[in-house]
Protein backbone atom coordinates (compact mmCIF):
# COMPACT_ATOMS: atom_id res chain seq x y z
CA MET A 1 80.08 -42.89 228.40
CA PHE A 2 78.09 -41.54 225.47
CA THR A 3 77.71 -45.07 224.09
CA ILE A 4 76.26 -46.33 227.37
CA LEU A 5 73.78 -43.44 227.51
CA SER A 6 72.81 -44.05 223.89
CA ILE A 7 72.17 -47.73 224.52
CA ILE A 8 70.02 -46.92 227.56
CA PHE A 9 68.08 -44.36 225.53
CA GLU A 10 67.54 -46.78 222.64
CA ILE A 11 66.26 -49.47 224.99
CA TYR A 12 63.87 -46.97 226.57
CA LEU A 13 62.82 -45.71 223.15
CA PHE A 14 61.97 -49.13 221.73
CA TYR A 15 60.33 -50.31 224.95
CA SER A 16 58.13 -47.19 225.05
CA LEU A 17 57.43 -47.38 221.34
CA PHE A 18 55.88 -50.83 221.68
CA THR A 19 54.28 -50.51 225.12
CA ASN A 20 53.23 -46.87 225.56
CA PRO A 21 54.13 -44.54 222.66
CA SER A 22 52.47 -41.55 224.33
CA SER A 23 55.21 -41.63 226.98
CA LEU A 24 57.60 -40.36 224.27
CA GLY A 25 55.43 -37.44 223.19
CA THR A 26 52.26 -36.48 221.41
CA VAL A 27 51.64 -35.14 217.93
CA SER A 28 50.22 -31.63 218.19
CA GLY A 29 49.94 -30.74 214.52
CA VAL A 30 50.97 -31.84 211.10
CA PHE A 31 54.67 -31.15 211.65
CA SER A 32 55.09 -30.69 215.38
CA VAL A 33 55.46 -32.94 218.41
CA ILE A 34 55.22 -32.18 222.10
CA TRP A 35 58.00 -34.31 223.59
CA SER A 36 57.92 -35.80 227.05
CA ILE A 37 60.29 -34.27 229.58
CA TYR A 38 62.62 -37.30 229.41
CA ILE A 39 62.94 -37.02 225.62
CA GLU A 40 63.49 -33.25 225.87
CA ILE A 41 66.33 -33.83 228.35
CA ILE A 42 67.92 -36.34 225.98
CA LEU A 43 67.52 -34.00 223.00
CA LEU A 44 68.97 -31.04 224.88
CA SER A 45 71.91 -33.06 226.14
CA CYS A 46 72.66 -34.30 222.61
CA VAL A 47 72.55 -30.73 221.29
CA ALA A 48 74.89 -29.64 224.10
CA ILE A 49 77.34 -32.43 223.24
CA VAL A 50 77.29 -31.49 219.55
CA LEU A 51 77.87 -27.83 220.42
CA VAL A 52 80.78 -28.46 222.78
CA THR A 53 82.59 -30.91 220.50
CA GLY A 54 81.90 -28.68 217.50
CA LEU A 55 83.35 -25.64 219.22
CA LEU A 56 86.47 -27.61 220.15
CA PHE A 57 86.84 -28.63 216.51
CA VAL A 58 86.28 -25.05 215.34
CA ARG A 59 88.85 -23.68 217.77
CA GLU A 60 91.55 -25.88 216.26
CA SER A 61 90.50 -24.97 212.71
CA ILE A 62 90.63 -21.23 213.34
CA LYS A 63 94.16 -21.54 214.78
CA SER A 64 95.45 -22.89 211.45
CA SER A 65 97.74 -20.79 209.27
CA ASN A 66 96.03 -22.09 206.12
CA PRO A 67 93.35 -19.55 205.02
CA GLU A 68 91.12 -22.30 203.62
CA ILE A 69 91.11 -24.15 206.94
CA LYS A 70 90.38 -20.88 208.76
CA LEU A 71 87.47 -20.24 206.41
CA LYS A 72 86.16 -23.74 207.04
CA GLY A 73 86.43 -23.14 210.78
CA LYS A 74 84.50 -19.87 210.58
CA ASN A 75 81.74 -21.48 208.55
CA LEU A 76 81.60 -24.40 210.95
CA LEU A 77 81.34 -22.00 213.88
CA ILE A 78 78.30 -20.38 212.27
CA ALA A 79 76.90 -23.83 211.44
CA PHE A 80 77.25 -25.20 214.98
CA LEU A 81 75.74 -22.08 216.55
CA LEU A 82 72.82 -22.02 214.11
CA PHE A 83 72.27 -25.75 214.52
CA THR A 84 72.14 -25.34 218.30
CA LEU A 85 69.69 -22.46 218.08
CA GLY A 86 67.48 -24.21 215.52
CA ALA A 87 67.50 -27.53 217.36
CA LEU A 88 66.65 -25.88 220.68
CA LEU A 89 63.77 -23.97 219.12
CA ASP A 90 62.53 -27.06 217.30
CA ALA A 91 62.72 -29.30 220.36
CA THR A 92 61.18 -26.97 222.90
CA LEU A 93 58.69 -24.68 221.17
CA THR A 94 55.66 -26.06 219.36
CA ASN A 95 54.18 -22.94 217.80
CA VAL A 96 53.77 -23.11 214.00
CA ILE A 97 55.73 -19.91 213.46
CA THR A 98 58.61 -20.96 215.72
CA ASN A 99 58.72 -24.37 214.02
CA LEU A 100 59.02 -22.66 210.64
CA ILE A 101 61.75 -20.32 211.89
CA ALA A 102 63.60 -23.18 213.61
CA ARG A 103 63.58 -25.31 210.50
CA LEU A 104 64.73 -22.44 208.31
CA ILE A 105 67.60 -21.90 210.74
CA LEU A 106 68.40 -25.62 210.48
CA VAL A 107 68.44 -25.39 206.67
CA VAL A 108 70.87 -22.46 206.81
CA SER A 109 73.03 -24.41 209.27
CA SER A 110 73.08 -27.33 206.81
CA ILE A 111 74.38 -25.04 204.08
CA GLU A 112 77.03 -23.71 206.48
CA PHE A 113 78.03 -27.29 207.37
CA TYR A 114 78.37 -28.03 203.65
CA ILE A 115 80.59 -25.00 203.11
CA GLY A 116 82.60 -25.67 206.29
CA LEU A 117 83.23 -29.34 205.57
CA ILE A 118 83.54 -29.43 201.77
CA LEU A 119 84.52 -25.82 200.91
CA PRO A 120 83.40 -25.91 197.29
CA ASP A 121 85.17 -23.78 194.68
CA TRP A 122 82.34 -21.24 194.48
CA ALA A 123 82.68 -20.57 198.23
CA LYS A 124 86.44 -20.17 197.87
CA LYS A 125 85.92 -17.59 195.14
CA ILE A 126 83.41 -15.65 197.21
CA PHE A 127 85.11 -15.73 200.62
CA LEU A 128 88.84 -15.93 199.86
CA LYS A 129 90.42 -12.89 198.23
CA LYS A 130 93.40 -14.78 196.88
CA ILE A 131 93.49 -18.50 196.10
CA LYS A 132 96.93 -20.02 195.98
């Protein structure tokens, strides 16, 4: 289902890009875009899909008996929630201040994704009291 929707979106995207780019959105500043309603719906649905699948993944990680996996799950929970918040702010609000805040939130979510997926040694030392 997601593949079919993605193909339809890509066809629309490339068709609009070559025929009428303003139907996708307009540039409102150096770093901000005002998206068309169709693109905003697509962006919001993609963010919703990422959030739901991420929360399902996190739920299984937190159930684990392994403390490292639990730690990864907790970091991924923070990452998915921050990503959702940052992406929603970035996609819907076009104020310079909100763009800055949204992108800072997205940077923090990237760091949380790194910790949640890789779990480097420095994070283990900070967050786990006892490493086996």
